[in-house]
Every structure is written in structure tokens, then in C-alpha cells.
Amino acid sequence: MRQRIRPGCGQVQGVGLTPLPATAVRPPLIAECPVNIECRVLDVQAIGDHDLFLGEAVAQHVDEALLDAEGKIAVERLGGFAFVLGEFWTLGRRSPGNRRGIEN
């Protein structure tokens, strides 16, 4: 059964995060996130028991402490993580191989 979150029900504040006004969309940015990407939903497709949202990024906001001398995001500063197969994994090192990190 799909559950939809009601707009304006305080999801951000309800988990102790600080909402900030966005510049291009209605949902708020999150002050505690070093990178915020504003997106417009173009389509929603039902895939089994999940929804796939297709969107367009219309604005981005990046904490300046994450930028290198050229103004690009220094990935190693992100402290990123991923949830894979029931476990959290840290990110931040470039994989050996070609530009996409894939071995030939």
C-alpha cells in the first residue's frame, strides 16, 4: 500500500532539521545539508510497489566550505554515505580506473 506524505505536515521540523526558503520550488531547503538541489517533478511512474520520480534540477546550493580553489565541489570534503544492502558505506575516494571509476 502506498502512503503519500501530506504537503505542509512539518516533515523537516518533525525530525529536528531547519527549513530554509528555496529559490525556485515550494519545498524548503534544509540548513543542515551542505548541498541542496531544487528539482521540479516532470513525471511519476509506478514501479511495482514504489514510485519513480523523474525530475529536472532547477537550482543548487552548496556550502562554500565544500568548494575547491576552482569553485568545484571537493568530493572528499562531503563526508558522503550510501545505504547499500542494509549497510551504510562512506564515500569520498576516487576509484582507480577510467574517469567513471570503472575498470576496463
C-alpha atoms as a PDB file:
ATOM      1  CA  MET A   1       0.000   0.000   0.000  1.00  0.00           C
ATOM      2  CA  ARG A   2       1.399   3.389  -0.995  1.00  0.00           C
ATOM      3  CA  GLN A   3       1.370   6.190   1.541  1.00  0.00           C
ATOM      4  CA  ARG A   4       1.574   9.783   0.442  1.00  0.00           C
ATOM      5  CA  ILE A   5       3.006  12.498   2.659  1.00  0.00           C
ATOM      6  CA  ARG A   6       0.679  15.455   3.020  1.00  0.00           C
ATOM      7  CA  PRO A   7       2.246  18.751   1.922  1.00  0.00           C
ATOM      8  CA  GLY A   8       2.993  21.065   4.823  1.00  0.00           C
ATOM      9  CA  CYS A   9       2.812  18.424   7.538  1.00  0.00           C
ATOM     10  CA  GLY A  10       6.118  19.524   9.062  1.00  0.00           C
ATOM     11  CA  GLN A  11       8.376  16.653   7.971  1.00  0.00           C
ATOM     12  CA  VAL A  12      11.515  18.814   8.217  1.00  0.00           C
ATOM     13  CA  GLN A  13      10.856  20.296  11.642  1.00  0.00           C
ATOM     14  CA  GLY A  14       9.460  16.986  12.892  1.00  0.00           C
ATOM     15  CA  VAL A  15      12.916  15.385  12.697  1.00  0.00           C
ATOM     16  CA  GLY A  16      14.829  18.359  14.119  1.00  0.00           C
ATOM     17  CA  LEU A  17      16.018  19.914  10.855  1.00  0.00           C
ATOM     18  CA  THR A  18      15.901  23.604   9.955  1.00  0.00           C
ATOM     19  CA  PRO A  19      13.913  24.614   6.854  1.00  0.00           C
ATOM     20  CA  LEU A  20      15.151  27.467   4.644  1.00  0.00           C
ATOM     21  CA  PRO A  21      13.266  29.116   1.786  1.00  0.00           C
ATOM     22  CA  ALA A  22      14.034  27.690  -1.656  1.00  0.00           C
ATOM     23  CA  THR A  23      14.582  29.938  -4.665  1.00  0.00           C
ATOM     24  CA  ALA A  24      12.775  28.016  -7.425  1.00  0.00           C
ATOM     25  CA  VAL A  25      10.426  25.465  -5.820  1.00  0.00           C
ATOM     26  CA  ARG A  26       7.973  25.410  -2.913  1.00  0.00           C
ATOM     27  CA  PRO A  27       9.527  22.719  -0.632  1.00  0.00           C
ATOM     28  CA  PRO A  28      12.177  24.090   1.732  1.00  0.00           C
ATOM     29  CA  LEU A  29      15.924  23.639   1.654  1.00  0.00           C
ATOM     30  CA  ILE A  30      17.475  22.000   4.731  1.00  0.00           C
ATOM     31  CA  ALA A  31      20.020  24.164   6.562  1.00  0.00           C
ATOM     32  CA  GLU A  32      21.925  21.149   7.917  1.00  0.00           C
ATOM     33  CA  CYS A  33      22.556  19.762   4.401  1.00  0.00           C
ATOM     34  CA  PRO A  34      25.761  21.079   2.804  1.00  0.00           C
ATOM     35  CA  VAL A  35      24.262  20.524  -0.669  1.00  0.00           C
ATOM     36  CA  ASN A  36      20.635  21.248  -1.580  1.00  0.00           C
ATOM     37  CA  ILE A  37      19.295  20.627  -5.088  1.00  0.00           C
ATOM     38  CA  GLU A  38      15.936  22.096  -6.047  1.00  0.00           C
ATOM     39  CA  CYS A  39      14.015  19.925  -8.509  1.00  0.00           C
ATOM     40  CA  ARG A  40      10.744  20.092 -10.395  1.00  0.00           C
ATOM     41  CA  VAL A  41       8.891  16.811 -10.826  1.00  0.00           C
ATOM     42  CA  LEU A  42       8.297  16.051 -14.518  1.00  0.00           C
ATOM     43  CA  ASP A  43       6.636  12.665 -14.135  1.00  0.00           C
ATOM     44  CA  VAL A  44       5.833   9.980 -11.570  1.00  0.00           C
ATOM     45  CA  GLN A  45       5.820   6.348 -12.681  1.00  0.00           C
ATOM     46  CA  ALA A  46       4.566   3.453 -10.577  1.00  0.00           C
ATOM     47  CA  ILE A  47       7.227   0.722 -10.492  1.00  0.00           C
ATOM     48  CA  GLY A  48       5.938  -2.258  -8.550  1.00  0.00           C
ATOM     49  CA  ASP A  49       5.248  -1.038  -5.026  1.00  0.00           C
ATOM     50  CA  HIS A  50       7.366   2.131  -5.443  1.00  0.00           C
ATOM     51  CA  ASP A  51       7.070   5.406  -7.320  1.00  0.00           C
ATOM     52  CA  LEU A  52       9.854   6.604  -9.625  1.00  0.00           C
ATOM     53  CA  PHE A  53      10.068  10.402  -9.713  1.00  0.00           C
ATOM     54  CA  LEU A  54      11.563  11.927 -12.862  1.00  0.00           C
ATOM     55  CA  GLY A  55      12.645  15.496 -12.392  1.00  0.00           C
ATOM     56  CA  GLU A  56      14.683  18.434 -13.549  1.00  0.00           C
ATOM     57  CA  ALA A  57      17.248  20.129 -11.308  1.00  0.00           C
ATOM     58  CA  VAL A  58      16.469  23.855 -11.414  1.00  0.00           C
ATOM     59  CA  ALA A  59      18.788  25.256  -8.717  1.00  0.00           C
ATOM     60  CA  GLN A  60      21.625  24.102  -6.479  1.00  0.00           C
ATOM     61  CA  HIS A  61      23.034  25.454  -3.237  1.00  0.00           C
ATOM     62  CA  VAL A  62      26.464  24.343  -1.992  1.00  0.00           C
ATOM     63  CA  ASP A  63      28.222  25.261   1.257  1.00  0.00           C
ATOM     64  CA  GLU A  64      31.335  27.221   0.213  1.00  0.00           C
ATOM     65  CA  ALA A  65      33.475  25.115   2.594  1.00  0.00           C
ATOM     66  CA  LEU A  66      32.967  22.215   0.156  1.00  0.00           C
ATOM     67  CA  LEU A  67      34.396  24.061  -2.843  1.00  0.00           C
ATOM     68  CA  ASP A  68      37.970  23.790  -4.068  1.00  0.00           C
ATOM     69  CA  ALA A  69      40.074  26.681  -5.417  1.00  0.00           C
ATOM     70  CA  GLU A  70      38.354  26.341  -8.833  1.00  0.00           C
ATOM     71  CA  GLY A  71      34.863  26.504  -7.342  1.00  0.00           C
ATOM     72  CA  LYS A  72      34.144  22.812  -7.923  1.00  0.00           C
ATOM     73  CA  ILE A  73      32.785  20.504  -5.232  1.00  0.00           C
ATOM     74  CA  ALA A  74      35.666  18.753  -3.442  1.00  0.00           C
ATOM     75  CA  VAL A  75      34.028  15.328  -3.106  1.00  0.00           C
ATOM     76  CA  GLU A  76      36.424  14.256  -0.355  1.00  0.00           C
ATOM     77  CA  ARG A  77      35.009  17.055   1.838  1.00  0.00           C
ATOM     78  CA  LEU A  78      31.387  15.897   1.525  1.00  0.00           C
ATOM     79  CA  GLY A  79      31.501  13.133   4.125  1.00  0.00           C
ATOM     80  CA  GLY A  80      29.013  11.319   1.927  1.00  0.00           C
ATOM     81  CA  PHE A  81      27.483   7.943   2.615  1.00  0.00           C
ATOM     82  CA  ALA A  82      25.275   5.398   0.896  1.00  0.00           C
ATOM     83  CA  PHE A  83      22.906   2.755   2.212  1.00  0.00           C
ATOM     84  CA  VAL A  84      23.623  -0.446   0.278  1.00  0.00           C
ATOM     85  CA  LEU A  85      22.192  -3.883   1.030  1.00  0.00           C
ATOM     86  CA  GLY A  86      21.261  -2.948   4.582  1.00  0.00           C
ATOM     87  CA  GLU A  87      24.574  -1.281   5.484  1.00  0.00           C
ATOM     88  CA  PHE A  88      25.941   2.271   5.461  1.00  0.00           C
ATOM     89  CA  TRP A  89      29.114   2.868   3.439  1.00  0.00           C
ATOM     90  CA  THR A  90      31.251   6.004   3.497  1.00  0.00           C
ATOM     91  CA  LEU A  91      32.204   7.734   0.252  1.00  0.00           C
ATOM     92  CA  GLY A  92      34.893  10.137  -0.802  1.00  0.00           C
ATOM     93  CA  ARG A  93      37.758   8.347  -2.548  1.00  0.00           C
ATOM     94  CA  ARG A  94      38.051   8.202  -6.324  1.00  0.00           C
ATOM     95  CA  SER A  95      38.127   4.670  -7.672  1.00  0.00           C
ATOM     96  CA  PRO A  96      41.105   3.571  -9.775  1.00  0.00           C
ATOM     97  CA  GLY A  97      40.483   3.109 -13.471  1.00  0.00           C
ATOM     98  CA  ASN A  98      38.986   5.443 -16.022  1.00  0.00           C
ATOM     99  CA  ARG A  99      37.128   8.708 -15.357  1.00  0.00           C
ATOM    100  CA  ARG A 100      33.975   6.930 -14.237  1.00  0.00           C
ATOM    101  CA  GLY A 101      35.841   4.618 -11.862  1.00  0.00           C
ATOM    102  CA  ILE A 102      35.097   1.555 -13.979  1.00  0.00           C
ATOM    103  CA  GLU A 103      37.902  -0.862 -14.730  1.00  0.00           C
ATOM    104  CA  ASN A 104      38.360  -1.648 -18.430  1.00  0.00           C
END
